[in-house]
Amino acid sequence: MEIKELLKTSKEIWKGDKRNLSQVIIRMGKVFGDICRWERNEKKDKNKHTDEELKKELGNIIFSTIRWCDDLGYNPEDCINSAIECQKKFIKDRK
């Protein structure tokens, strides 16, 4: 899948419903919290903690972030390229 295709699919699903930064932060926190609960692995949650559930949550972060970039007026590909360059620099500077 290409980023453009994912963004198109996301827009079809959400039918133009856009989020502002505050709304993005809340939703990102919700998904991140789900991942944290998976790692905490409390007895009451163990039945939900499967590889499929974790894959779904990681997919939610990826798929939703593409839409959120667009919602905030950014090209998702530009955001990804910026992150790639930042991570390359981080590794280079660690050496």
Protein backbone atom coordinates (compact mmCIF):
# COMPACT_ATOMS: atom_id res chain seq x y z
CA MET A 1 0.00 0.00 0.00
CA GLU A 2 1.11 3.50 -0.72
CA ILE A 3 0.59 6.46 1.59
CA LYS A 4 -1.71 8.12 -0.96
CA GLU A 5 -3.90 5.01 -1.07
CA LEU A 6 -4.04 4.81 2.71
CA LEU A 7 -5.02 8.46 2.94
CA LYS A 8 -7.75 7.98 0.32
CA THR A 9 -9.12 4.96 2.20
CA SER A 10 -9.04 6.88 5.47
CA LYS A 11 -10.96 9.79 3.95
CA GLU A 12 -13.55 7.35 2.60
CA ILE A 13 -13.98 5.79 6.04
CA TRP A 14 -14.17 9.06 7.98
CA LYS A 15 -16.13 10.93 5.27
CA GLY A 16 -14.23 14.20 5.65
CA ASP A 17 -14.42 14.26 9.45
CA LYS A 18 -11.28 16.21 10.38
CA ARG A 19 -9.54 16.56 13.74
CA ASN A 20 -7.68 19.52 15.20
CA LEU A 21 -4.45 19.12 17.16
CA SER A 22 -6.20 18.74 20.53
CA GLN A 23 -8.44 16.01 19.14
CA VAL A 24 -5.46 14.25 17.53
CA ILE A 25 -3.55 14.27 20.82
CA ILE A 26 -6.50 12.75 22.69
CA ARG A 27 -6.98 10.00 20.12
CA MET A 28 -3.27 9.27 19.85
CA GLY A 29 -3.14 9.03 23.64
CA LYS A 30 -6.02 6.55 23.61
CA VAL A 31 -4.26 4.21 21.19
CA PHE A 32 -0.93 4.63 23.00
CA GLY A 33 -2.71 3.83 26.26
CA ASP A 34 -4.11 0.65 24.73
CA ILE A 35 -0.57 -0.39 23.81
CA CYS A 36 0.66 0.48 27.32
CA ARG A 37 -2.10 -1.63 28.86
CA TRP A 38 -1.09 -4.48 26.59
CA GLU A 39 2.47 -4.25 27.92
CA ARG A 40 1.35 -3.83 31.55
CA ASN A 41 -0.54 -7.10 31.07
CA GLU A 42 -2.88 -6.90 34.04
CA LYS A 43 -4.72 -10.11 34.86
CA LYS A 44 -8.08 -8.55 33.93
CA ASP A 45 -6.79 -7.68 30.44
CA LYS A 46 -4.86 -10.85 29.58
CA ASN A 47 -7.63 -12.34 27.44
CA LYS A 48 -7.34 -9.32 25.08
CA HIS A 49 -3.56 -9.44 24.83
CA THR A 50 -2.97 -11.35 21.64
CA ASP A 51 -0.60 -10.72 18.78
CA GLU A 52 -3.61 -9.78 16.66
CA GLU A 53 -4.66 -7.12 19.18
CA LEU A 54 -1.18 -5.60 19.30
CA LYS A 55 -0.92 -5.65 15.50
CA LYS A 56 -4.29 -3.86 15.33
CA GLU A 57 -3.17 -1.15 17.74
CA LEU A 58 0.12 -0.59 15.92
CA GLY A 59 -1.84 -0.43 12.66
CA ASN A 60 -4.18 2.11 14.25
CA ILE A 61 -1.20 4.33 15.07
CA ILE A 62 0.12 4.12 11.51
CA PHE A 63 -3.19 4.42 9.66
CA SER A 64 -4.64 7.15 11.87
CA THR A 65 -1.45 9.22 11.89
CA ILE A 66 -1.52 9.41 8.10
CA ARG A 67 -5.01 10.92 8.31
CA TRP A 68 -4.11 13.19 11.21
CA CYS A 69 -1.18 14.66 9.25
CA ASP A 70 -3.59 15.54 6.47
CA ASP A 71 -6.22 16.83 8.93
CA LEU A 72 -3.63 19.26 10.29
CA GLY A 73 -2.69 20.44 6.80
CA TYR A 74 0.51 18.45 6.36
CA ASN A 75 1.47 16.09 3.58
CA PRO A 76 1.91 12.69 5.29
CA GLU A 77 4.80 11.79 2.97
CA ASP A 78 6.62 14.99 3.93
CA CYS A 79 6.09 14.16 7.61
CA ILE A 80 7.48 10.66 7.10
CA ASN A 81 10.48 11.94 5.15
CA SER A 82 11.20 14.45 7.91
CA ALA A 83 11.06 11.68 10.51
CA ILE A 84 13.40 9.49 8.45
CA GLU A 85 15.96 12.28 8.20
CA CYS A 86 15.66 13.00 11.91
CA GLN A 87 16.23 9.35 12.82
CA LYS A 88 19.22 9.12 10.48
CA LYS A 89 20.71 12.20 12.15
CA PHE A 90 20.00 10.80 15.61
CA ILE A 91 21.89 7.58 14.83
CA LYS A 92 24.76 9.45 13.18
CA ASP A 93 25.09 11.80 16.17
CA ARG A 94 25.15 8.85 18.62
CA LYS A 95 28.36 7.48 17.14
